[in-house]
Amino acid sequence: MNALKLTFSLLIILFIVSCATSQSSQTGPDYLQGYNMARDFAQKDAMNSRGYPKNIKQKARKYNKLLQDQGRSETFTKGFYDGYENYYHEFIELYLGK
């Protein structure tokens, strides 16, 4: 019975730690740097766009090679993709007048 309680307690602790880790990565410095870097890329792409794209995430992934060549972390890249998507929406609506 004690072994079952111990196992259950460990599972709960692992769950709590995994939730805390995933939340903090979206507010960490790497994530925020990536998010902020995406602004200029999204603005440039929105200015050169002829219309609203069907898949903005796919548009952001065209920078994947650049980010890999720069040795960016996974957290930075996630921040970049999230920032690109948000900023692109903002700029495309500004430039297309929607």
N, C-alpha and C. Protein backbone atom coordinates (compact mmCIF):
# COMPACT_ATOMS: atom_id res chain seq x y z
N MET A 1 0.81 -1.19 0.00
CA MET A 1 0.00 0.00 0.00
C MET A 1 0.86 1.26 0.00
N ASN A 2 1.96 1.22 0.80
CA ASN A 2 2.84 2.38 0.85
C ASN A 2 3.53 2.60 -0.49
N ALA A 3 3.86 1.52 -1.17
CA ALA A 3 4.51 1.65 -2.48
C ALA A 3 3.56 2.31 -3.48
N LEU A 4 2.29 1.99 -3.40
CA LEU A 4 1.30 2.60 -4.28
C LEU A 4 1.15 4.09 -4.00
N LYS A 5 1.13 4.45 -2.71
CA LYS A 5 1.05 5.87 -2.34
C LYS A 5 2.29 6.63 -2.81
N LEU A 6 3.45 6.02 -2.65
CA LEU A 6 4.69 6.65 -3.08
C LEU A 6 4.72 6.86 -4.59
N THR A 7 4.30 5.84 -5.33
CA THR A 7 4.26 5.94 -6.79
C THR A 7 3.29 7.03 -7.22
N PHE A 8 2.13 7.05 -6.62
CA PHE A 8 1.13 8.06 -6.95
C PHE A 8 1.65 9.47 -6.63
N SER A 9 2.31 9.61 -5.49
CA SER A 9 2.88 10.92 -5.11
C SER A 9 3.94 11.37 -6.10
N LEU A 10 4.78 10.45 -6.55
CA LEU A 10 5.81 10.79 -7.53
C LEU A 10 5.20 11.22 -8.86
N LEU A 11 4.14 10.55 -9.27
CA LEU A 11 3.46 10.93 -10.51
C LEU A 11 2.87 12.33 -10.42
N ILE A 12 2.30 12.65 -9.29
CA ILE A 12 1.74 14.00 -9.08
C ILE A 12 2.85 15.04 -9.12
N ILE A 13 3.95 14.77 -8.48
CA ILE A 13 5.08 15.70 -8.46
C ILE A 13 5.62 15.90 -9.88
N LEU A 14 5.77 14.81 -10.63
CA LEU A 14 6.24 14.92 -12.02
C LEU A 14 5.29 15.75 -12.87
N PHE A 15 4.01 15.57 -12.68
CA PHE A 15 3.02 16.34 -13.42
C PHE A 15 3.14 17.83 -13.10
N ILE A 16 3.27 18.16 -11.83
CA ILE A 16 3.39 19.56 -11.42
C ILE A 16 4.65 20.19 -11.99
N VAL A 17 5.75 19.48 -11.93
CA VAL A 17 7.02 20.00 -12.45
C VAL A 17 6.95 20.20 -13.96
N SER A 18 6.35 19.25 -14.67
CA SER A 18 6.26 19.40 -16.12
C SER A 18 5.38 20.57 -16.51
N CYS A 19 4.32 20.82 -15.78
CA CYS A 19 3.46 21.97 -16.06
C CYS A 19 4.19 23.28 -15.79
N ALA A 20 4.92 23.33 -14.71
CA ALA A 20 5.66 24.54 -14.36
C ALA A 20 6.75 24.82 -15.39
N THR A 21 7.42 23.80 -15.87
CA THR A 21 8.49 23.97 -16.85
C THR A 21 7.95 24.50 -18.17
N SER A 22 6.85 23.98 -18.65
CA SER A 22 6.32 24.43 -19.93
C SER A 22 5.81 25.86 -19.86
N GLN A 23 5.27 26.28 -18.74
CA GLN A 23 4.78 27.64 -18.60
C GLN A 23 5.93 28.64 -18.56
N SER A 24 6.99 28.31 -17.85
CA SER A 24 8.08 29.27 -17.69
C SER A 24 8.86 29.48 -18.99
N SER A 25 8.86 28.49 -19.89
CA SER A 25 9.61 28.65 -21.13
C SER A 25 9.00 29.71 -22.02
N GLN A 26 7.71 30.01 -21.86
CA GLN A 26 7.07 31.03 -22.68
C GLN A 26 7.27 32.43 -22.13
N THR A 27 7.88 32.56 -20.99
CA THR A 27 8.16 33.88 -20.46
C THR A 27 9.65 34.08 -20.24
N GLY A 28 10.44 33.09 -20.61
CA GLY A 28 11.89 33.17 -20.42
C GLY A 28 12.52 34.11 -21.43
N PRO A 29 13.77 34.49 -21.19
CA PRO A 29 14.45 35.44 -22.07
C PRO A 29 14.61 34.94 -23.50
N ASP A 30 14.88 33.65 -23.69
CA ASP A 30 15.02 33.12 -25.05
C ASP A 30 13.72 33.25 -25.83
N TYR A 31 12.61 32.87 -25.19
CA TYR A 31 11.30 32.95 -25.84
C TYR A 31 10.99 34.39 -26.23
N LEU A 32 11.21 35.31 -25.28
CA LEU A 32 10.89 36.72 -25.53
C LEU A 32 11.79 37.32 -26.61
N GLN A 33 13.06 36.93 -26.64
CA GLN A 33 13.96 37.42 -27.70
C GLN A 33 13.48 36.96 -29.06
N GLY A 34 13.09 35.71 -29.16
CA GLY A 34 12.58 35.18 -30.42
C GLY A 34 11.29 35.88 -30.83
N TYR A 35 10.41 36.08 -29.86
CA TYR A 35 9.13 36.74 -30.11
C TYR A 35 9.37 38.15 -30.65
N ASN A 36 10.27 38.87 -30.02
CA ASN A 36 10.55 40.25 -30.44
C ASN A 36 11.28 40.31 -31.78
N MET A 37 12.17 39.37 -32.04
CA MET A 37 12.91 39.35 -33.31
C MET A 37 11.95 39.14 -34.48
N ALA A 38 10.88 38.42 -34.25
CA ALA A 38 9.93 38.10 -35.32
C ALA A 38 9.21 39.34 -35.86
N ARG A 39 9.17 40.40 -35.09
CA ARG A 39 8.42 41.60 -35.49
C ARG A 39 8.90 42.15 -36.83
N ASP A 40 10.18 42.35 -36.98
CA ASP A 40 10.73 42.92 -38.22
C ASP A 40 10.49 42.01 -39.42
N PHE A 41 10.63 40.71 -39.21
CA PHE A 41 10.42 39.75 -40.30
C PHE A 41 8.95 39.74 -40.73
N ALA A 42 8.06 39.75 -39.75
CA ALA A 42 6.63 39.74 -40.05
C ALA A 42 6.21 41.04 -40.74
N GLN A 43 6.75 42.15 -40.30
CA GLN A 43 6.40 43.43 -40.91
C GLN A 43 6.85 43.47 -42.37
N LYS A 44 8.07 43.05 -42.62
CA LYS A 44 8.59 43.04 -43.99
C LYS A 44 7.75 42.14 -44.89
N ASP A 45 7.44 40.95 -44.39
CA ASP A 45 6.64 40.01 -45.19
C ASP A 45 5.23 40.53 -45.43
N ALA A 46 4.64 41.15 -44.43
CA ALA A 46 3.28 41.69 -44.59
C ALA A 46 3.27 42.84 -45.59
N MET A 47 4.30 43.66 -45.57
CA MET A 47 4.37 44.78 -46.51
C MET A 47 4.49 44.28 -47.95
N ASN A 48 5.16 43.17 -48.15
CA ASN A 48 5.37 42.62 -49.48
C ASN A 48 4.27 41.64 -49.90
N SER A 49 3.29 41.44 -49.06
CA SER A 49 2.24 40.47 -49.34
C SER A 49 1.20 41.03 -50.29
N ARG A 50 0.65 40.16 -51.11
CA ARG A 50 -0.40 40.57 -52.05
C ARG A 50 -1.78 40.19 -51.52
N GLY A 51 -1.83 39.61 -50.37
CA GLY A 51 -3.10 39.20 -49.80
C GLY A 51 -2.87 38.44 -48.52
N TYR A 52 -3.95 38.02 -47.93
CA TYR A 52 -3.87 37.30 -46.67
C TYR A 52 -3.48 35.85 -46.92
N PRO A 53 -2.36 35.37 -46.37
CA PRO A 53 -1.92 33.99 -46.63
C PRO A 53 -2.81 32.97 -45.92
N LYS A 54 -2.82 31.77 -46.46
CA LYS A 54 -3.64 30.71 -45.88
C LYS A 54 -2.99 30.13 -44.62
N ASN A 55 -1.67 30.05 -44.60
CA ASN A 55 -1.00 29.41 -43.47
C ASN A 55 0.19 30.27 -43.02
N ILE A 56 -0.03 31.05 -42.01
CA ILE A 56 1.02 31.95 -41.52
C ILE A 56 2.13 31.17 -40.83
N LYS A 57 1.79 30.08 -40.15
CA LYS A 57 2.82 29.27 -39.49
C LYS A 57 3.81 28.73 -40.52
N GLN A 58 3.31 28.32 -41.66
CA GLN A 58 4.17 27.82 -42.73
C GLN A 58 5.05 28.96 -43.25
N LYS A 59 4.50 30.15 -43.33
CA LYS A 59 5.25 31.32 -43.77
C LYS A 59 6.40 31.62 -42.81
N ALA A 60 6.13 31.46 -41.52
CA ALA A 60 7.16 31.70 -40.50
C ALA A 60 8.27 30.66 -40.57
N ARG A 61 7.93 29.45 -40.94
CA ARG A 61 8.91 28.36 -40.97
C ARG A 61 9.94 28.52 -42.08
N LYS A 62 9.71 29.45 -43.00
CA LYS A 62 10.72 29.67 -44.03
C LYS A 62 12.01 30.23 -43.40
N TYR A 63 11.91 30.72 -42.18
CA TYR A 63 13.09 31.24 -41.47
C TYR A 63 13.76 30.18 -40.61
N ASN A 64 13.26 28.95 -40.67
CA ASN A 64 13.79 27.87 -39.84
C ASN A 64 15.29 27.66 -40.08
N LYS A 65 15.69 27.64 -41.32
CA LYS A 65 17.12 27.43 -41.66
C LYS A 65 17.98 28.56 -41.07
N LEU A 66 17.52 29.79 -41.18
CA LEU A 66 18.24 30.93 -40.62
C LEU A 66 18.41 30.77 -39.11
N LEU A 67 17.33 30.40 -38.44
CA LEU A 67 17.38 30.24 -36.98
C LEU A 67 18.31 29.09 -36.59
N GLN A 68 18.29 28.01 -37.35
CA GLN A 68 19.18 26.88 -37.07
C GLN A 68 20.64 27.27 -37.31
N ASP A 69 20.90 27.98 -38.41
CA ASP A 69 22.27 28.41 -38.70
C ASP A 69 22.81 29.34 -37.62
N GLN A 70 21.92 30.10 -36.98
CA GLN A 70 22.33 31.00 -35.91
C GLN A 70 22.46 30.26 -34.57
N GLY A 71 22.10 28.97 -34.56
CA GLY A 71 22.21 28.19 -33.33
C GLY A 71 21.18 28.55 -32.27
N ARG A 72 20.02 28.99 -32.70
CA ARG A 72 18.97 29.40 -31.76
C ARG A 72 18.37 28.20 -31.06
N SER A 73 17.96 28.40 -29.83
CA SER A 73 17.39 27.32 -29.03
C SER A 73 15.96 27.03 -29.49
N GLU A 74 15.46 25.90 -29.03
CA GLU A 74 14.08 25.52 -29.34
C GLU A 74 13.09 26.53 -28.77
N THR A 75 13.40 27.03 -27.58
CA THR A 75 12.54 28.02 -26.93
C THR A 75 12.53 29.32 -27.72
N PHE A 76 13.69 29.75 -28.19
CA PHE A 76 13.79 30.95 -29.02
C PHE A 76 12.95 30.78 -30.28
N THR A 77 13.09 29.62 -30.94
CA THR A 77 12.37 29.35 -32.17
C THR A 77 10.87 29.36 -31.94
N LYS A 78 10.42 28.77 -30.83
CA LYS A 78 8.99 28.79 -30.50
C LYS A 78 8.51 30.22 -30.31
N GLY A 79 9.29 31.02 -29.63
CA GLY A 79 8.94 32.43 -29.45
C GLY A 79 8.89 33.17 -30.78
N PHE A 80 9.84 32.84 -31.67
CA PHE A 80 9.86 33.47 -32.99
C PHE A 80 8.59 33.14 -33.77
N TYR A 81 8.21 31.87 -33.79
CA TYR A 81 7.01 31.46 -34.53
C TYR A 81 5.75 32.11 -33.96
N ASP A 82 5.64 32.13 -32.63
CA ASP A 82 4.47 32.76 -32.00
C ASP A 82 4.43 34.25 -32.28
N GLY A 83 5.58 34.90 -32.16
CA GLY A 83 5.65 36.33 -32.43
C GLY A 83 5.36 36.65 -33.88
N TYR A 84 5.92 35.85 -34.78
CA TYR A 84 5.71 36.07 -36.21
C TYR A 84 4.22 36.01 -36.53
N GLU A 85 3.56 34.99 -36.02
CA GLU A 85 2.13 34.83 -36.31
C GLU A 85 1.33 36.02 -35.78
N ASN A 86 1.58 36.43 -34.56
CA ASN A 86 0.85 37.56 -33.99
C ASN A 86 1.14 38.86 -34.71
N TYR A 87 2.42 39.13 -34.94
CA TYR A 87 2.79 40.37 -35.62
C TYR A 87 2.32 40.39 -37.07
N TYR A 88 2.38 39.25 -37.73
CA TYR A 88 1.95 39.20 -39.13
C TYR A 88 0.46 39.55 -39.23
N HIS A 89 -0.34 38.98 -38.34
CA HIS A 89 -1.78 39.32 -38.32
C HIS A 89 -1.96 40.82 -38.15
N GLU A 90 -1.22 41.38 -37.22
CA GLU A 90 -1.32 42.82 -36.93
C GLU A 90 -0.95 43.66 -38.15
N PHE A 91 0.17 43.34 -38.78
CA PHE A 91 0.65 44.14 -39.90
C PHE A 91 -0.17 43.92 -41.17
N ILE A 92 -0.60 42.71 -41.44
CA ILE A 92 -1.36 42.46 -42.65
C ILE A 92 -2.70 43.19 -42.59
N GLU A 93 -3.29 43.24 -41.41
CA GLU A 93 -4.54 44.00 -41.26
C GLU A 93 -4.29 45.49 -41.43
N LEU A 94 -3.15 45.95 -40.98
CA LEU A 94 -2.81 47.35 -41.15
C LEU A 94 -2.61 47.70 -42.62
N TYR A 95 -1.85 46.87 -43.33
CA TYR A 95 -1.52 47.16 -44.71
C TYR A 95 -2.64 46.85 -45.70
N LEU A 96 -3.47 45.87 -45.39
CA LEU A 96 -4.58 45.54 -46.28
C LEU A 96 -5.87 46.27 -45.88
N GLY A 97 -5.82 46.93 -44.75
CA GLY A 97 -6.98 47.71 -44.32
C GLY A 97 -8.16 46.90 -43.85
N LYS A 98 -7.90 45.74 -43.24
CA LYS A 98 -9.00 44.90 -42.76
C LYS A 98 -9.22 45.08 -41.29
